[in-house]
PDB file of N, CA and C in Angstrom:
ATOM      1  N   UNK A   1    -157.818  20.329-282.577  1.00  0.00           N
ATOM      2  CA  UNK A   1    -159.165  20.815-282.741  1.00  0.00           C
ATOM      3  C   UNK A   1    -160.108  19.856-282.007  1.00  0.00           C
ATOM      4  N   UNK A   2    -161.037  20.404-281.220  1.00  0.00           N
ATOM      5  CA  UNK A   2    -161.929  19.547-280.441  1.00  0.00           C
ATOM      6  C   UNK A   2    -163.016  18.925-281.323  1.00  0.00           C
ATOM      7  N   UNK A   3    -163.636  17.907-280.799  1.00  0.00           N
ATOM      8  CA  UNK A   3    -164.699  17.214-281.533  1.00  0.00           C
ATOM      9  C   UNK A   3    -165.875  18.148-281.773  1.00  0.00           C
ATOM     10  N   UNK A   4    -166.197  18.965-280.787  1.00  0.00           N
ATOM     11  CA  UNK A   4    -167.323  19.896-280.931  1.00  0.00           C
ATOM     12  C   UNK A   4    -167.047  20.910-282.043  1.00  0.00           C
ATOM     13  N   UNK A   5    -165.828  21.373-282.173  1.00  0.00           N
ATOM     14  CA  UNK A   5    -165.474  22.305-283.228  1.00  0.00           C
ATOM     15  C   UNK A   5    -165.621  21.653-284.597  1.00  0.00           C
ATOM     16  N   UNK A   6    -165.208  20.404-284.703  1.00  0.00           N
ATOM     17  CA  UNK A   6    -165.350  19.680-285.969  1.00  0.00           C
ATOM     18  C   UNK A   6    -166.814  19.521-286.348  1.00  0.00           C
ATOM     19  N   UNK A   7    -167.659  19.235-285.375  1.00  0.00           N
ATOM     20  CA  UNK A   7    -169.086  19.080-285.638  1.00  0.00           C
ATOM     21  C   UNK A   7    -169.692  20.409-286.102  1.00  0.00           C
ATOM     22  N   UNK A   8    -169.308  21.496-285.468  1.00  0.00           N
ATOM     23  CA  UNK A   8    -169.830  22.813-285.855  1.00  0.00           C
ATOM     24  C   UNK A   8    -169.393  23.166-287.268  1.00  0.00           C
ATOM     25  N   UNK A   9    -168.135  22.939-287.585  1.00  0.00           N
ATOM     26  CA  UNK A   9    -167.640  23.235-288.937  1.00  0.00           C
ATOM     27  C   UNK A   9    -168.364  22.366-289.966  1.00  0.00           C
ATOM     28  N   UNK A  10    -168.551  21.099-289.659  1.00  0.00           N
ATOM     29  CA  UNK A  10    -169.285  20.212-290.555  1.00  0.00           C
ATOM     30  C   UNK A  10    -170.723  20.657-290.748  1.00  0.00           C
ATOM     31  N   UNK A  11    -171.361  21.122-289.692  1.00  0.00           N
ATOM     32  CA  UNK A  11    -172.734  21.625-289.789  1.00  0.00           C
ATOM     33  C   UNK A  11    -172.836  22.851-290.671  1.00  0.00           C
ATOM     34  N   UNK A  12    -171.870  23.740-290.553  1.00  0.00           N
ATOM     35  CA  UNK A  12    -171.870  24.944-291.392  1.00  0.00           C
ATOM     36  C   UNK A  12    -171.676  24.570-292.859  1.00  0.00           C
ATOM     37  N   UNK A  13    -170.785  23.629-293.116  1.00  0.00           N
ATOM     38  CA  UNK A  13    -170.543  23.186-294.492  1.00  0.00           C
ATOM     39  C   UNK A  13    -171.805  22.552-295.077  1.00  0.00           C
ATOM     40  N   UNK A  14    -172.448  21.692-294.304  1.00  0.00           N
ATOM     41  CA  UNK A  14    -173.678  21.055-294.779  1.00  0.00           C
ATOM     42  C   UNK A  14    -174.771  22.096-294.996  1.00  0.00           C
ATOM     43  N   UNK A  15    -174.850  23.081-294.126  1.00  0.00           N
ATOM     44  CA  UNK A  15    -175.830  24.157-294.297  1.00  0.00           C
ATOM     45  C   UNK A  15    -175.617  24.916-295.598  1.00  0.00           C
ATOM     46  N   UNK A  16    -174.372  25.231-295.917  1.00  0.00           N
ATOM     47  CA  UNK A  16    -174.095  25.926-297.180  1.00  0.00           C
ATOM     48  C   UNK A  16    -174.375  25.041-298.386  1.00  0.00           C
ATOM     49  N   UNK A  17    -174.070  23.756-298.275  1.00  0.00           N
ATOM     50  CA  UNK A  17    -174.354  22.841-299.385  1.00  0.00           C
ATOM     51  C   UNK A  17    -175.849  22.734-299.654  1.00  0.00           C
ATOM     52  N   UNK A  18    -176.658  22.716-298.595  1.00  0.00           N
ATOM     53  CA  UNK A  18    -178.103  22.642-298.805  1.00  0.00           C
ATOM     54  C   UNK A  18    -178.627  23.900-299.490  1.00  0.00           C
ATOM     55  N   UNK A  19    -177.975  25.021-299.265  1.00  0.00           N
ATOM     56  CA  UNK A  19    -178.406  26.248-299.937  1.00  0.00           C
ATOM     57  C   UNK A  19    -178.225  26.148-301.448  1.00  0.00           C
ATOM     58  N   UNK A  20    -177.221  25.403-301.884  1.00  0.00           N
ATOM     59  CA  UNK A  20    -176.979  25.263-303.318  1.00  0.00           C
ATOM     60  C   UNK A  20    -177.802  24.134-303.940  1.00  0.00           C
ATOM     61  N   UNK A  21    -178.136  23.109-303.152  1.00  0.00           N
ATOM     62  CA  UNK A  21    -178.825  21.939-303.681  1.00  0.00           C
ATOM     63  C   UNK A  21    -180.345  22.131-303.666  1.00  0.00           C
ATOM     64  N   UNK A  22    -180.882  22.662-302.583  1.00  0.00           N
ATOM     65  CA  UNK A  22    -182.326  22.821-302.419  1.00  0.00           C
ATOM     66  C   UNK A  22    -182.717  24.282-302.580  1.00  0.00           C
ATOM     67  N   UNK A  23    -184.013  24.562-302.771  1.00  0.00           N
ATOM     68  CA  UNK A  23    -184.461  25.957-302.737  1.00  0.00           C
ATOM     69  C   UNK A  23    -184.194  26.563-301.357  1.00  0.00           C
ATOM     70  N   UNK A  24    -184.114  27.872-301.290  1.00  0.00           N
ATOM     71  CA  UNK A  24    -183.708  28.523-300.047  1.00  0.00           C
ATOM     72  C   UNK A  24    -184.658  28.222-298.894  1.00  0.00           C
ATOM     73  N   UNK A  25    -185.960  28.090-299.162  1.00  0.00           N
ATOM     74  CA  UNK A  25    -186.910  27.866-298.076  1.00  0.00           C
ATOM     75  C   UNK A  25    -186.782  26.453-297.504  1.00  0.00           C
ATOM     76  N   UNK A  26    -186.421  25.473-298.325  1.00  0.00           N
ATOM     77  CA  UNK A  26    -186.193  24.122-297.805  1.00  0.00           C
ATOM     78  C   UNK A  26    -184.944  24.123-296.921  1.00  0.00           C
ATOM     79  N   UNK A  27    -183.910  24.825-297.363  1.00  0.00           N
ATOM     80  CA  UNK A  27    -182.688  24.930-296.559  1.00  0.00           C
ATOM     81  C   UNK A  27    -182.975  25.610-295.225  1.00  0.00           C
ATOM     82  N   UNK A  28    -183.796  26.655-295.266  1.00  0.00           N
ATOM     83  CA  UNK A  28    -184.146  27.355-294.029  1.00  0.00           C
ATOM     84  C   UNK A  28    -184.901  26.428-293.077  1.00  0.00           C
ATOM     85  N   UNK A  29    -185.811  25.613-293.608  1.00  0.00           N
ATOM     86  CA  UNK A  29    -186.544  24.664-292.757  1.00  0.00           C
ATOM     87  C   UNK A  29    -185.613  23.619-292.149  1.00  0.00           C
ATOM     88  N   UNK A  30    -184.659  23.141-292.935  1.00  0.00           N
ATOM     89  CA  UNK A  30    -183.705  22.150-292.416  1.00  0.00           C
ATOM     90  C   UNK A  30    -182.864  22.756-291.299  1.00  0.00           C
ATOM     91  N   UNK A  31    -182.359  23.958-291.523  1.00  0.00           N
ATOM     92  CA  UNK A  31    -181.515  24.606-290.521  1.00  0.00           C
ATOM     93  C   UNK A  31    -182.318  24.903-289.255  1.00  0.00           C
ATOM     94  N   UNK A  32    -183.564  25.388-289.410  1.00  0.00           N
ATOM     95  CA  UNK A  32    -184.398  25.650-288.233  1.00  0.00           C
ATOM     96  C   UNK A  32    -184.719  24.362-287.476  1.00  0.00           C
ATOM     97  N   UNK A  33    -184.927  23.272-288.203  1.00  0.00           N
ATOM     98  CA  UNK A  33    -185.192  21.999-287.546  1.00  0.00           C
ATOM     99  C   UNK A  33    -183.994  21.500-286.757  1.00  0.00           C
ATOM    100  N   UNK A  34    -182.805  21.657-287.335  1.00  0.00           N
ATOM    101  CA  UNK A  34    -181.585  21.221-286.647  1.00  0.00           C
ATOM    102  C   UNK A  34    -181.341  22.061-285.401  1.00  0.00           C
ATOM    103  N   UNK A  35    -181.643  23.344-285.461  1.00  0.00           N
ATOM    104  CA  UNK A  35    -181.461  24.198-284.291  1.00  0.00           C
ATOM    105  C   UNK A  35    -182.607  24.046-283.289  1.00  0.00           C
ATOM    106  N   UNK A  36    -183.814  23.798-283.779  1.00  0.00           N
ATOM    107  CA  UNK A  36    -184.982  23.770-282.913  1.00  0.00           C
ATOM    108  C   UNK A  36    -185.149  22.480-282.127  1.00  0.00           C
ATOM    109  N   UNK A  37    -184.679  21.355-282.656  1.00  0.00           N
ATOM    110  CA  UNK A  37    -184.886  20.068-281.976  1.00  0.00           C
ATOM    111  C   UNK A  37    -184.211  20.022-280.598  1.00  0.00           C
ATOM    112  N   UNK A  38    -182.925  20.378-280.471  1.00  0.00           N
ATOM    113  CA  UNK A  38    -182.317  20.353-279.121  1.00  0.00           C
ATOM    114  C   UNK A  38    -182.941  21.392-278.181  1.00  0.00           C
ATOM    115  N   UNK A  39    -183.330  22.532-278.740  1.00  0.00           N
ATOM    116  CA  UNK A  39    -183.958  23.561-277.910  1.00  0.00           C
ATOM    117  C   UNK A  39    -185.294  23.067-277.362  1.00  0.00           C
ATOM    118  N   UNK A  40    -186.094  22.438-278.214  1.00  0.00           N
ATOM    119  CA  UNK A  40    -187.377  21.896-277.755  1.00  0.00           C
ATOM    120  C   UNK A  40    -187.159  20.819-276.694  1.00  0.00           C
ATOM    121  N   UNK A  41    -186.160  19.979-276.884  1.00  0.00           N
ATOM    122  CA  UNK A  41    -185.858  18.947-275.897  1.00  0.00           C
ATOM    123  C   UNK A  41    -185.445  19.546-274.561  1.00  0.00           C
ATOM    124  N   UNK A  42    -184.647  20.601-274.589  1.00  0.00           N
ATOM    125  CA  UNK A  42    -184.212  21.262-273.356  1.00  0.00           C
ATOM    126  C   UNK A  42    -185.400  21.906-272.648  1.00  0.00           C
ATOM    127  N   UNK A  43    -186.278  22.543-273.424  1.00  0.00           N
ATOM    128  CA  UNK A  43    -187.418  23.216-272.816  1.00  0.00           C
ATOM    129  C   UNK A  43    -188.441  22.234-272.240  1.00  0.00           C
ATOM    130  N   UNK A  44    -188.429  20.976-272.677  1.00  0.00           N
ATOM    131  CA  UNK A  44    -189.353  19.978-272.148  1.00  0.00           C
ATOM    132  C   UNK A  44    -188.879  19.405-270.812  1.00  0.00           C
ATOM    133  N   UNK A  45    -187.642  19.685-270.417  1.00  0.00           N
ATOM    134  CA  UNK A  45    -187.148  19.214-269.124  1.00  0.00           C
ATOM    135  C   UNK A  45    -187.780  20.021-267.998  1.00  0.00           C
ATOM    136  N   UNK A  46    -187.970  19.376-266.854  1.00  0.00           N
ATOM    137  CA  UNK A  46    -188.456  20.141-265.706  1.00  0.00           C
ATOM    138  C   UNK A  46    -187.260  20.849-265.055  1.00  0.00           C
ATOM    139  N   UNK A  47    -187.525  21.819-264.172  1.00  0.00           N
ATOM    140  CA  UNK A  47    -186.430  22.619-263.603  1.00  0.00           C
ATOM    141  C   UNK A  47    -185.334  21.800-262.922  1.00  0.00           C
ATOM    142  N   UNK A  48    -185.687  20.721-262.252  1.00  0.00           N
ATOM    143  CA  UNK A  48    -184.661  19.914-261.577  1.00  0.00           C
ATOM    144  C   UNK A  48    -183.745  19.242-262.600  1.00  0.00           C
ATOM    145  N   UNK A  49    -184.320  18.771-263.705  1.00  0.00           N
ATOM    146  CA  UNK A  49    -183.506  18.136-264.739  1.00  0.00           C
ATOM    147  C   UNK A  49    -182.599  19.155-265.420  1.00  0.00           C
ATOM    148  N   UNK A  50    -183.108  20.364-265.651  1.00  0.00           N
ATOM    149  CA  UNK A  50    -182.275  21.421-266.245  1.00  0.00           C
ATOM    150  C   UNK A  50    -181.106  21.761-265.327  1.00  0.00           C
ATOM    151  N   UNK A  51    -181.379  21.853-264.030  1.00  0.00           N
ATOM    152  CA  UNK A  51    -180.330  22.162-263.069  1.00  0.00           C
ATOM    153  C   UNK A  51    -179.258  21.076-263.088  1.00  0.00           C
ATOM    154  N   UNK A  52    -179.677  19.806-263.124  1.00  0.00           N
ATOM    155  CA  UNK A  52    -178.735  18.685-263.165  1.00  0.00           C
ATOM    156  C   UNK A  52    -177.903  18.726-264.443  1.00  0.00           C
ATOM    157  N   UNK A  53    -178.547  19.061-265.564  1.00  0.00           N
ATOM    158  CA  UNK A  53    -177.843  19.131-266.845  1.00  0.00           C
ATOM    159  C   UNK A  53    -176.806  20.259-266.847  1.00  0.00           C
ATOM    160  N   UNK A  54    -177.179  21.424-266.303  1.00  0.00           N
ATOM    161  CA  UNK A  54    -176.216  22.532-266.231  1.00  0.00           C
ATOM    162  C   UNK A  54    -175.052  22.195-265.314  1.00  0.00           C
ATOM    163  N   UNK A  55    -175.321  21.531-264.194  1.00  0.00           N
ATOM    164  CA  UNK A  55    -174.248  21.155-263.264  1.00  0.00           C
ATOM    165  C   UNK A  55    -173.311  20.152-263.919  1.00  0.00           C
ATOM    166  N   UNK A  56    -173.850  19.250-264.694  1.00  0.00           N
ATOM    167  CA  UNK A  56    -173.023  18.259-265.385  1.00  0.00           C
ATOM    168  C   UNK A  56    -172.113  18.951-266.408  1.00  0.00           C
ATOM    169  N   UNK A  57    -172.614  19.944-267.107  1.00  0.00           N
ATOM    170  CA  UNK A  57    -171.803  20.685-268.070  1.00  0.00           C
ATOM    171  C   UNK A  57    -170.695  21.455-267.403  1.00  0.00           C
ATOM    172  N   UNK A  58    -170.989  22.048-266.238  1.00  0.00           N
ATOM    173  CA  UNK A  58    -169.951  22.780-265.508  1.00  0.00           C
ATOM    174  C   UNK A  58    -168.890  21.842-264.961  1.00  0.00           C
ATOM    175  N   UNK A  59    -169.298  20.641-264.567  1.00  0.00           N
ATOM    176  CA  UNK A  59    -168.354  19.669-264.031  1.00  0.00           C
ATOM    177  C   UNK A  59    -167.350  19.259-265.101  1.00  0.00           C
ATOM    178  N   UNK A  60    -167.806  19.111-266.338  1.00  0.00           N
ATOM    179  CA  UNK A  60    -166.927  18.706-267.420  1.00  0.00           C
ATOM    180  C   UNK A  60    -165.946  19.804-267.808  1.00  0.00           C
ATOM    181  N   UNK A  61    -166.302  21.069-267.603  1.00  0.00           N
ATOM    182  CA  UNK A  61    -165.419  22.162-267.980  1.00  0.00           C
ATOM    183  C   UNK A  61    -164.090  22.091-267.237  1.00  0.00           C
ATOM    184  N   UNK A  62    -164.120  21.707-265.976  1.00  0.00           N
ATOM    185  CA  UNK A  62    -162.902  21.675-265.180  1.00  0.00           C
ATOM    186  C   UNK A  62    -161.989  20.506-265.490  1.00  0.00           C
ATOM    187  N   UNK A  63    -162.516  19.439-266.066  1.00  0.00           N
ATOM    188  CA  UNK A  63    -161.692  18.250-266.285  1.00  0.00           C
ATOM    189  C   UNK A  63    -161.045  18.235-267.649  1.00  0.00           C
TER     190      UNK A  63
END
């Protein structure tokens, strides 16, 4: 199992645990924050940086 798969499974488990521990709206805010932070960071990159980041991801796929 890859490291990324383990992280995703752990995130899902933590998301379900927060649903039982906190009220549903707090859990929703936590989940939206976890999903929104990387998206906001990606959108703040200029087009050249985004292109470089996508090329780097494609380069890793082959290795």
